[in-house]
PDB file of all heavy atoms in Angstrom:
ATOM      1  N   ARG A   1       0.840  -1.201   0.000  1.00  0.00           N
ATOM      2  CA  ARG A   1       0.000   0.000   0.000  1.00  0.00           C
ATOM      3  C   ARG A   1       0.874   1.250   0.000  1.00  0.00           C
ATOM      4  O   ARG A   1       0.617   2.195  -0.733  1.00  0.00           O
ATOM      5  CB  ARG A   1      -0.909   0.004   1.224  1.00  0.00           C
ATOM      6  CG  ARG A   1      -1.755   1.253   1.335  1.00  0.00           C
ATOM      7  CD  ARG A   1      -2.702   1.133   2.516  1.00  0.00           C
ATOM      8  NE  ARG A   1      -3.434   2.360   2.679  1.00  0.00           N
ATOM      9  CZ  ARG A   1      -3.100   3.315   3.530  1.00  0.00           C
ATOM     10  NH1 ARG A   1      -2.036   3.186   4.289  1.00  0.00           N
ATOM     11  NH2 ARG A   1      -3.830   4.406   3.637  1.00  0.00           N
ATOM     12  N   GLN A   2       1.937   1.265   0.807  1.00  0.00           N
ATOM     13  CA  GLN A   2       2.837   2.411   0.857  1.00  0.00           C
ATOM     14  C   GLN A   2       3.504   2.639  -0.499  1.00  0.00           C
ATOM     15  O   GLN A   2       3.666   3.770  -0.934  1.00  0.00           O
ATOM     16  CB  GLN A   2       3.910   2.214   1.942  1.00  0.00           C
ATOM     17  CG  GLN A   2       3.381   2.393   3.348  1.00  0.00           C
ATOM     18  CD  GLN A   2       2.952   3.817   3.597  1.00  0.00           C
ATOM     19  OE1 GLN A   2       1.849   4.219   3.254  1.00  0.00           O
ATOM     20  NE2 GLN A   2       3.821   4.602   4.177  1.00  0.00           N
ATOM     21  N   TRP A   3       3.874   1.560  -1.166  1.00  0.00           N
ATOM     22  CA  TRP A   3       4.487   1.677  -2.482  1.00  0.00           C
ATOM     23  C   TRP A   3       3.507   2.303  -3.463  1.00  0.00           C
ATOM     24  O   TRP A   3       3.865   3.201  -4.229  1.00  0.00           O
ATOM     25  CB  TRP A   3       4.935   0.302  -2.972  1.00  0.00           C
ATOM     26  CG  TRP A   3       5.607   0.365  -4.308  1.00  0.00           C
ATOM     27  CD1 TRP A   3       6.897   0.725  -4.570  1.00  0.00           C
ATOM     28  CD2 TRP A   3       4.999   0.095  -5.578  1.00  0.00           C
ATOM     29  NE1 TRP A   3       7.129   0.679  -5.928  1.00  0.00           N
ATOM     30  CE2 TRP A   3       5.989   0.307  -6.568  1.00  0.00           C
ATOM     31  CE3 TRP A   3       3.726  -0.307  -5.963  1.00  0.00           C
ATOM     32  CZ2 TRP A   3       5.737   0.116  -7.927  1.00  0.00           C
ATOM     33  CZ3 TRP A   3       3.477  -0.487  -7.314  1.00  0.00           C
ATOM     34  CH2 TRP A   3       4.481  -0.279  -8.270  1.00  0.00           C
ATOM     35  N   HIS A   4       2.241   1.855  -3.440  1.00  0.00           N
ATOM     36  CA  HIS A   4       1.228   2.423  -4.338  1.00  0.00           C
ATOM     37  C   HIS A   4       0.997   3.908  -4.036  1.00  0.00           C
ATOM     38  O   HIS A   4       0.831   4.705  -4.960  1.00  0.00           O
ATOM     39  CB  HIS A   4      -0.085   1.648  -4.254  1.00  0.00           C
ATOM     40  CG  HIS A   4      -0.039   0.333  -4.970  1.00  0.00           C
ATOM     41  ND1 HIS A   4       0.071   0.238  -6.339  1.00  0.00           N
ATOM     42  CD2 HIS A   4      -0.060  -0.940  -4.515  1.00  0.00           C
ATOM     43  CE1 HIS A   4       0.105  -1.028  -6.693  1.00  0.00           C
ATOM     44  NE2 HIS A   4       0.023  -1.764  -5.607  1.00  0.00           N
ATOM     45  N   LEU A   5       0.995   4.264  -2.776  1.00  0.00           N
ATOM     46  CA  LEU A   5       0.836   5.680  -2.409  1.00  0.00           C
ATOM     47  C   LEU A   5       2.012   6.502  -2.920  1.00  0.00           C
ATOM     48  O   LEU A   5       1.838   7.619  -3.394  1.00  0.00           O
ATOM     49  CB  LEU A   5       0.696   5.836  -0.893  1.00  0.00           C
ATOM     50  CG  LEU A   5      -0.576   5.285  -0.270  1.00  0.00           C
ATOM     51  CD1 LEU A   5      -0.540   5.429   1.246  1.00  0.00           C
ATOM     52  CD2 LEU A   5      -1.807   5.960  -0.848  1.00  0.00           C
ATOM     53  N   HIS A   6       3.211   5.935  -2.824  1.00  0.00           N
ATOM     54  CA  HIS A   6       4.402   6.631  -3.310  1.00  0.00           C
ATOM     55  C   HIS A   6       4.321   6.845  -4.827  1.00  0.00           C
ATOM     56  O   HIS A   6       4.636   7.924  -5.330  1.00  0.00           O
ATOM     57  CB  HIS A   6       5.658   5.850  -2.931  1.00  0.00           C
ATOM     58  CG  HIS A   6       6.917   6.546  -3.303  1.00  0.00           C
ATOM     59  ND1 HIS A   6       7.378   7.659  -2.634  1.00  0.00           N
ATOM     60  CD2 HIS A   6       7.796   6.313  -4.301  1.00  0.00           C
ATOM     61  CE1 HIS A   6       8.497   8.074  -3.202  1.00  0.00           C
ATOM     62  NE2 HIS A   6       8.775   7.278  -4.211  1.00  0.00           N
ATOM     63  N   VAL A   7       3.889   5.813  -5.547  1.00  0.00           N
ATOM     64  CA  VAL A   7       3.736   5.924  -7.004  1.00  0.00           C
ATOM     65  C   VAL A   7       2.700   6.986  -7.347  1.00  0.00           C
ATOM     66  O   VAL A   7       2.902   7.803  -8.251  1.00  0.00           O
ATOM     67  CB  VAL A   7       3.364   4.552  -7.623  1.00  0.00           C
ATOM     68  CG1 VAL A   7       2.940   4.705  -9.075  1.00  0.00           C
ATOM     69  CG2 VAL A   7       4.534   3.591  -7.503  1.00  0.00           C
ATOM     70  N   LEU A   8       1.587   7.004  -6.634  1.00  0.00           N
ATOM     71  CA  LEU A   8       0.561   8.013  -6.861  1.00  0.00           C
ATOM     72  C   LEU A   8       1.099   9.408  -6.587  1.00  0.00           C
ATOM     73  O   LEU A   8       0.868  10.344  -7.361  1.00  0.00           O
ATOM     74  CB  LEU A   8      -0.659   7.732  -5.977  1.00  0.00           C
ATOM     75  CG  LEU A   8      -1.804   8.739  -6.058  1.00  0.00           C
ATOM     76  CD1 LEU A   8      -2.312   8.897  -7.500  1.00  0.00           C
ATOM     77  CD2 LEU A   8      -2.936   8.312  -5.130  1.00  0.00           C
ATOM     78  N   ALA A   9       1.860   9.563  -5.502  1.00  0.00           N
ATOM     79  CA  ALA A   9       2.459  10.865  -5.191  1.00  0.00           C
ATOM     80  C   ALA A   9       3.416  11.299  -6.298  1.00  0.00           C
ATOM     81  O   ALA A   9       3.447  12.478  -6.668  1.00  0.00           O
ATOM     82  CB  ALA A   9       3.193  10.805  -3.848  1.00  0.00           C
ATOM     83  N   GLU A  10       4.169  10.353  -6.853  1.00  0.00           N
ATOM     84  CA  GLU A  10       5.075  10.677  -7.965  1.00  0.00           C
ATOM     85  C   GLU A  10       4.295  11.133  -9.190  1.00  0.00           C
ATOM     86  O   GLU A  10       4.709  12.057  -9.889  1.00  0.00           O
ATOM     87  CB  GLU A  10       5.951   9.466  -8.320  1.00  0.00           C
ATOM     88  CG  GLU A  10       7.067   9.223  -7.343  1.00  0.00           C
ATOM     89  CD  GLU A  10       7.947   8.048  -7.739  1.00  0.00           C
ATOM     90  OE1 GLU A  10       7.554   7.261  -8.636  1.00  0.00           O
ATOM     91  OE2 GLU A  10       9.030   7.917  -7.156  1.00  0.00           O
ATOM     92  N   ARG A  11       3.164  10.482  -9.473  1.00  0.00           N
ATOM     93  CA  ARG A  11       2.333  10.889 -10.612  1.00  0.00           C
ATOM     94  C   ARG A  11       1.797  12.306 -10.414  1.00  0.00           C
ATOM     95  O   ARG A  11       1.786  13.116 -11.346  1.00  0.00           O
ATOM     96  CB  ARG A  11       1.166   9.915 -10.790  1.00  0.00           C
ATOM     97  CG  ARG A  11       1.556   8.599 -11.404  1.00  0.00           C
ATOM     98  CD  ARG A  11       0.370   7.685 -11.639  1.00  0.00           C
ATOM     99  NE  ARG A  11      -0.624   8.320 -12.478  1.00  0.00           N
ATOM    100  CZ  ARG A  11      -1.940   8.175 -12.314  1.00  0.00           C
ATOM    101  NH1 ARG A  11      -2.420   7.420 -11.343  1.00  0.00           N
ATOM    102  NH2 ARG A  11      -2.791   8.769 -13.130  1.00  0.00           N
ATOM    103  N   LEU A  12       1.350  12.611  -9.203  1.00  0.00           N
ATOM    104  CA  LEU A  12       0.856  13.956  -8.900  1.00  0.00           C
ATOM    105  C   LEU A  12       1.972  14.985  -9.063  1.00  0.00           C
ATOM    106  O   LEU A  12       1.770  16.056  -9.636  1.00  0.00           O
ATOM    107  CB  LEU A  12       0.302  14.009  -7.468  1.00  0.00           C
ATOM    108  CG  LEU A  12      -1.005  13.267  -7.219  1.00  0.00           C
ATOM    109  CD1 LEU A  12      -1.241  13.106  -5.722  1.00  0.00           C
ATOM    110  CD2 LEU A  12      -2.176  13.991  -7.864  1.00  0.00           C
ATOM    111  N   ASP A  13       3.151  14.642  -8.571  1.00  0.00           N
ATOM    112  CA  ASP A  13       4.290  15.558  -8.653  1.00  0.00           C
ATOM    113  C   ASP A  13       4.709  15.781 -10.103  1.00  0.00           C
ATOM    114  O   ASP A  13       5.022  16.898 -10.512  1.00  0.00           O
ATOM    115  CB  ASP A  13       5.452  15.010  -7.830  1.00  0.00           C
ATOM    116  CG  ASP A  13       6.567  16.027  -7.666  1.00  0.00           C
ATOM    117  OD1 ASP A  13       6.273  17.232  -7.517  1.00  0.00           O
ATOM    118  OD2 ASP A  13       7.740  15.619  -7.680  1.00  0.00           O
ATOM    119  N   ARG A  14       4.708  14.719 -10.893  1.00  0.00           N
ATOM    120  CA  ARG A  14       5.064  14.841 -12.315  1.00  0.00           C
ATOM    121  C   ARG A  14       4.047  15.725 -13.043  1.00  0.00           C
ATOM    122  O   ARG A  14       4.402  16.538 -13.886  1.00  0.00           O
ATOM    123  CB  ARG A  14       5.135  13.452 -12.949  1.00  0.00           C
ATOM    124  CG  ARG A  14       6.125  13.347 -14.067  1.00  0.00           C
ATOM    125  CD  ARG A  14       6.432  11.944 -14.556  1.00  0.00           C
ATOM    126  NE  ARG A  14       5.503  10.884 -14.264  1.00  0.00           N
ATOM    127  CZ  ARG A  14       5.694   9.974 -13.301  1.00  0.00           C
ATOM    128  NH1 ARG A  14       6.769  10.015 -12.552  1.00  0.00           N
ATOM    129  NH2 ARG A  14       4.801   9.023 -13.104  1.00  0.00           N
ATOM    130  N   TYR A  15       2.773  15.562 -12.688  1.00  0.00           N
ATOM    131  CA  TYR A  15       1.736  16.400 -13.286  1.00  0.00           C
ATOM    132  C   TYR A  15       1.996  17.870 -12.942  1.00  0.00           C
ATOM    133  O   TYR A  15       1.901  18.745 -13.804  1.00  0.00           O
ATOM    134  CB  TYR A  15       0.354  15.978 -12.782  1.00  0.00           C
ATOM    135  CG  TYR A  15      -0.778  16.722 -13.437  1.00  0.00           C
ATOM    136  CD1 TYR A  15      -1.357  16.248 -14.608  1.00  0.00           C
ATOM    137  CD2 TYR A  15      -1.268  17.917 -12.904  1.00  0.00           C
ATOM    138  CE1 TYR A  15      -2.391  16.928 -15.231  1.00  0.00           C
ATOM    139  CE2 TYR A  15      -2.301  18.603 -13.516  1.00  0.00           C
ATOM    140  CZ  TYR A  15      -2.859  18.109 -14.670  1.00  0.00           C
ATOM    141  OH  TYR A  15      -3.871  18.797 -15.287  1.00  0.00           O
ATOM    142  N   LEU A  16       2.348  18.115 -11.699  1.00  0.00           N
ATOM    143  CA  LEU A  16       2.655  19.481 -11.257  1.00  0.00           C
ATOM    144  C   LEU A  16       3.851  20.031 -12.042  1.00  0.00           C
ATOM    145  O   LEU A  16       3.826  21.177 -12.494  1.00  0.00           O
ATOM    146  CB  LEU A  16       2.979  19.452  -9.761  1.00  0.00           C
ATOM    147  CG  LEU A  16       2.621  20.653  -8.934  1.00  0.00           C
ATOM    148  CD1 LEU A  16       1.137  20.903  -8.952  1.00  0.00           C
ATOM    149  CD2 LEU A  16       3.097  20.445  -7.506  1.00  0.00           C
ATOM    150  N   GLU A  17       4.873  19.220 -12.201  1.00  0.00           N
ATOM    151  CA  GLU A  17       6.076  19.642 -12.924  1.00  0.00           C
ATOM    152  C   GLU A  17       5.757  19.998 -14.376  1.00  0.00           C
ATOM    153  O   GLU A  17       6.336  20.925 -14.941  1.00  0.00           O
ATOM    154  CB  GLU A  17       7.113  18.518 -12.872  1.00  0.00           C
ATOM    155  CG  GLU A  17       8.427  18.874 -13.511  1.00  0.00           C
ATOM    156  CD  GLU A  17       9.442  17.756 -13.405  1.00  0.00           C
ATOM    157  OE1 GLU A  17       9.068  16.606 -13.117  1.00  0.00           O
ATOM    158  OE2 GLU A  17      10.638  18.039 -13.635  1.00  0.00           O
ATOM    159  N   ASN A  18       4.823  19.274 -14.981  1.00  0.00           N
ATOM    160  CA  ASN A  18       4.493  19.507 -16.384  1.00  0.00           C
ATOM    161  C   ASN A  18       3.451  20.593 -16.615  1.00  0.00           C
ATOM    162  O   ASN A  18       3.264  21.036 -17.745  1.00  0.00           O
ATOM    163  CB  ASN A  18       4.009  18.202 -17.030  1.00  0.00           C
ATOM    164  CG  ASN A  18       5.114  17.172 -17.122  1.00  0.00           C
ATOM    165  OD1 ASN A  18       6.277  17.512 -17.286  1.00  0.00           O
ATOM    166  ND2 ASN A  18       4.754  15.915 -16.988  1.00  0.00           N
ATOM    167  N   HIS A  19       2.742  21.017 -15.571  1.00  0.00           N
ATOM    168  CA  HIS A  19       1.654  21.978 -15.730  1.00  0.00           C
ATOM    169  C   HIS A  19       1.759  23.193 -14.810  1.00  0.00           C
ATOM    170  O   HIS A  19       0.802  23.943 -14.668  1.00  0.00           O
ATOM    171  CB  HIS A  19       0.309  21.284 -15.484  1.00  0.00           C
ATOM    172  CG  HIS A  19       0.010  20.207 -16.465  1.00  0.00           C
ATOM    173  ND1 HIS A  19       0.401  18.899 -16.269  1.00  0.00           N
ATOM    174  CD2 HIS A  19      -0.622  20.239 -17.659  1.00  0.00           C
ATOM    175  CE1 HIS A  19       0.012  18.169 -17.301  1.00  0.00           C
ATOM    176  NE2 HIS A  19      -0.598  18.946 -18.163  1.00  0.00           N
ATOM    177  N   PHE A  20       2.916  23.404 -14.170  1.00  0.00           N
ATOM    178  CA  PHE A  20       3.038  24.483 -13.183  1.00  0.00           C
ATOM    179  C   PHE A  20       2.793  25.866 -13.778  1.00  0.00           C
ATOM    180  O   PHE A  20       2.454  26.804 -13.067  1.00  0.00           O
ATOM    181  CB  PHE A  20       4.394  24.443 -12.480  1.00  0.00           C
ATOM    182  CG  PHE A  20       5.561  24.818 -13.360  1.00  0.00           C
ATOM    183  CD1 PHE A  20       5.941  26.142 -13.514  1.00  0.00           C
ATOM    184  CD2 PHE A  20       6.284  23.841 -14.016  1.00  0.00           C
ATOM    185  CE1 PHE A  20       7.021  26.485 -14.319  1.00  0.00           C
ATOM    186  CE2 PHE A  20       7.364  24.169 -14.816  1.00  0.00           C
ATOM    187  CZ  PHE A  20       7.728  25.498 -14.971  1.00  0.00           C
ATOM    188  N   GLN A  21       2.936  26.029 -15.095  1.00  0.00           N
ATOM    189  CA  GLN A  21       2.738  27.336 -15.725  1.00  0.00           C
ATOM    190  C   GLN A  21       1.277  27.780 -15.742  1.00  0.00           C
ATOM    191  O   GLN A  21       0.990  28.945 -15.944  1.00  0.00           O
ATOM    192  CB  GLN A  21       3.274  27.354 -17.169  1.00  0.00           C
ATOM    193  CG  GLN A  21       4.779  27.284 -17.235  1.00  0.00           C
ATOM    194  CD  GLN A  21       5.280  25.940 -17.720  1.00  0.00           C
ATOM    195  OE1 GLN A  21       4.594  24.928 -17.647  1.00  0.00           O
ATOM    196  NE2 GLN A  21       6.510  25.921 -18.204  1.00  0.00           N
ATOM    197  N   GLN A  22       0.351  26.854 -15.531  1.00  0.00           N
ATOM    198  CA  GLN A  22      -1.069  27.212 -15.531  1.00  0.00           C
ATOM    199  C   GLN A  22      -1.400  27.970 -14.246  1.00  0.00           C
ATOM    200  O   GLN A  22      -1.232  27.433 -13.154  1.00  0.00           O
ATOM    201  CB  GLN A  22      -1.945  25.954 -15.609  1.00  0.00           C
ATOM    202  CG  GLN A  22      -1.748  25.154 -16.870  1.00  0.00           C
ATOM    203  CD  GLN A  22      -2.532  23.852 -16.839  1.00  0.00           C
ATOM    204  OE1 GLN A  22      -3.268  23.563 -15.903  1.00  0.00           O
ATOM    205  NE2 GLN A  22      -2.357  23.059 -17.885  1.00  0.00           N
ATOM    206  N   ASP A  23      -1.866  29.212 -14.396  1.00  0.00           N
ATOM    207  CA  ASP A  23      -2.160  29.989 -13.190  1.00  0.00           C
ATOM    208  C   ASP A  23      -3.411  29.502 -12.470  1.00  0.00           C
ATOM    209  O   ASP A  23      -3.694  29.898 -11.347  1.00  0.00           O
ATOM    210  CB  ASP A  23      -2.249  31.488 -13.496  1.00  0.00           C
ATOM    211  CG  ASP A  23      -3.434  31.848 -14.383  1.00  0.00           C
ATOM    212  OD1 ASP A  23      -4.125  30.933 -14.859  1.00  0.00           O
ATOM    213  OD2 ASP A  23      -3.647  33.055 -14.602  1.00  0.00           O
ATOM    214  N   THR A  24      -4.159  28.581 -13.093  1.00  0.00           N
ATOM    215  CA  THR A  24      -5.348  28.021 -12.458  1.00  0.00           C
ATOM    216  C   THR A  24      -5.058  26.700 -11.738  1.00  0.00           C
ATOM    217  O   THR A  24      -5.971  26.110 -11.156  1.00  0.00           O
ATOM    218  CB  THR A  24      -6.456  27.775 -13.502  1.00  0.00           C
ATOM    219  OG1 THR A  24      -5.935  26.917 -14.516  1.00  0.00           O
ATOM    220  CG2 THR A  24      -6.921  29.089 -14.121  1.00  0.00           C
ATOM    221  N   LEU A  25      -3.811  26.255 -11.782  1.00  0.00           N
ATOM    222  CA  LEU A  25      -3.454  24.995 -11.136  1.00  0.00           C
ATOM    223  C   LEU A  25      -3.659  25.111  -9.635  1.00  0.00           C
ATOM    224  O   LEU A  25      -3.154  26.030  -8.998  1.00  0.00           O
ATOM    225  CB  LEU A  25      -2.008  24.630 -11.451  1.00  0.00           C
ATOM    226  CG  LEU A  25      -1.530  23.249 -11.036  1.00  0.00           C
ATOM    227  CD1 LEU A  25      -2.395  22.155 -11.662  1.00  0.00           C
ATOM    228  CD2 LEU A  25      -0.093  23.043 -11.442  1.00  0.00           C
ATOM    229  N   SER A  26      -4.411  24.168  -9.074  1.00  0.00           N
ATOM    230  CA  SER A  26      -4.730  24.212  -7.645  1.00  0.00           C
ATOM    231  C   SER A  26      -4.967  22.787  -7.144  1.00  0.00           C
ATOM    232  O   SER A  26      -5.005  21.834  -7.928  1.00  0.00           O
ATOM    233  CB  SER A  26      -5.991  25.039  -7.417  1.00  0.00           C
ATOM    234  OG  SER A  26      -7.100  24.393  -8.027  1.00  0.00           O
ATOM    235  N   LEU A  27      -5.148  22.667  -5.841  1.00  0.00           N
ATOM    236  CA  LEU A  27      -5.503  21.373  -5.270  1.00  0.00           C
ATOM    237  C   LEU A  27      -6.814  20.866  -5.877  1.00  0.00           C
ATOM    238  O   LEU A  27      -6.961  19.680  -6.177  1.00  0.00           O
ATOM    239  CB  LEU A  27      -5.655  21.478  -3.754  1.00  0.00           C
ATOM    240  CG  LEU A  27      -4.367  21.416  -2.944  1.00  0.00           C
ATOM    241  CD1 LEU A  27      -4.643  21.753  -1.494  1.00  0.00           C
ATOM    242  CD2 LEU A  27      -3.719  20.048  -3.043  1.00  0.00           C
ATOM    243  N   GLY A  28      -7.762  21.770  -6.052  1.00  0.00           N
ATOM    244  CA  GLY A  28      -9.043  21.397  -6.646  1.00  0.00           C
ATOM    245  C   GLY A  28      -8.880  20.858  -8.057  1.00  0.00           C
ATOM    246  O   GLY A  28      -9.547  19.893  -8.450  1.00  0.00           O
ATOM    247  N   HIS A  29      -7.987  21.475  -8.813  1.00  0.00           N
ATOM    248  CA  HIS A  29      -7.691  21.034 -10.181  1.00  0.00           C
ATOM    249  C   HIS A  29      -7.143  19.603 -10.160  1.00  0.00           C
ATOM    250  O   HIS A  29      -7.581  18.742 -10.938  1.00  0.00           O
ATOM    251  CB  HIS A  29      -6.685  22.007 -10.809  1.00  0.00           C
ATOM    252  CG  HIS A  29      -6.293  21.663 -12.201  1.00  0.00           C
ATOM    253  ND1 HIS A  29      -7.024  22.045 -13.298  1.00  0.00           N
ATOM    254  CD2 HIS A  29      -5.229  20.964 -12.672  1.00  0.00           C
ATOM    255  CE1 HIS A  29      -6.426  21.600 -14.395  1.00  0.00           C
ATOM    256  NE2 HIS A  29      -5.343  20.937 -14.034  1.00  0.00           N
ATOM    257  N   LEU A  30      -6.169  19.349  -9.276  1.00  0.00           N
ATOM    258  CA  LEU A  30      -5.612  17.996  -9.169  1.00  0.00           C
ATOM    259  C   LEU A  30      -6.681  17.008  -8.717  1.00  0.00           C
ATOM    260  O   LEU A  30      -6.747  15.884  -9.214  1.00  0.00           O
ATOM    261  CB  LEU A  30      -4.449  17.963  -8.172  1.00  0.00           C
ATOM    262  CG  LEU A  30      -3.105  18.474  -8.647  1.00  0.00           C
ATOM    263  CD1 LEU A  30      -2.072  18.342  -7.539  1.00  0.00           C
ATOM    264  CD2 LEU A  30      -2.631  17.741  -9.879  1.00  0.00           C
ATOM    265  N   SER A  31      -7.499  17.421  -7.779  1.00  0.00           N
ATOM    266  CA  SER A  31      -8.562  16.563  -7.260  1.00  0.00           C
ATOM    267  C   SER A  31      -9.501  16.120  -8.378  1.00  0.00           C
ATOM    268  O   SER A  31      -9.863  14.943  -8.473  1.00  0.00           O
ATOM    269  CB  SER A  31      -9.340  17.304  -6.178  1.00  0.00           C
ATOM    270  OG  SER A  31     -10.404  16.528  -5.702  1.00  0.00           O
TER     271      SER A  31
END
């Protein structure tokens, strides 16, 4: 379970890295 959570966190972080220029990027957007 911890490994799956880590992988999910990496996916979220990668998404942030690729879309940080969007001024509308927020927790709600990721959600």
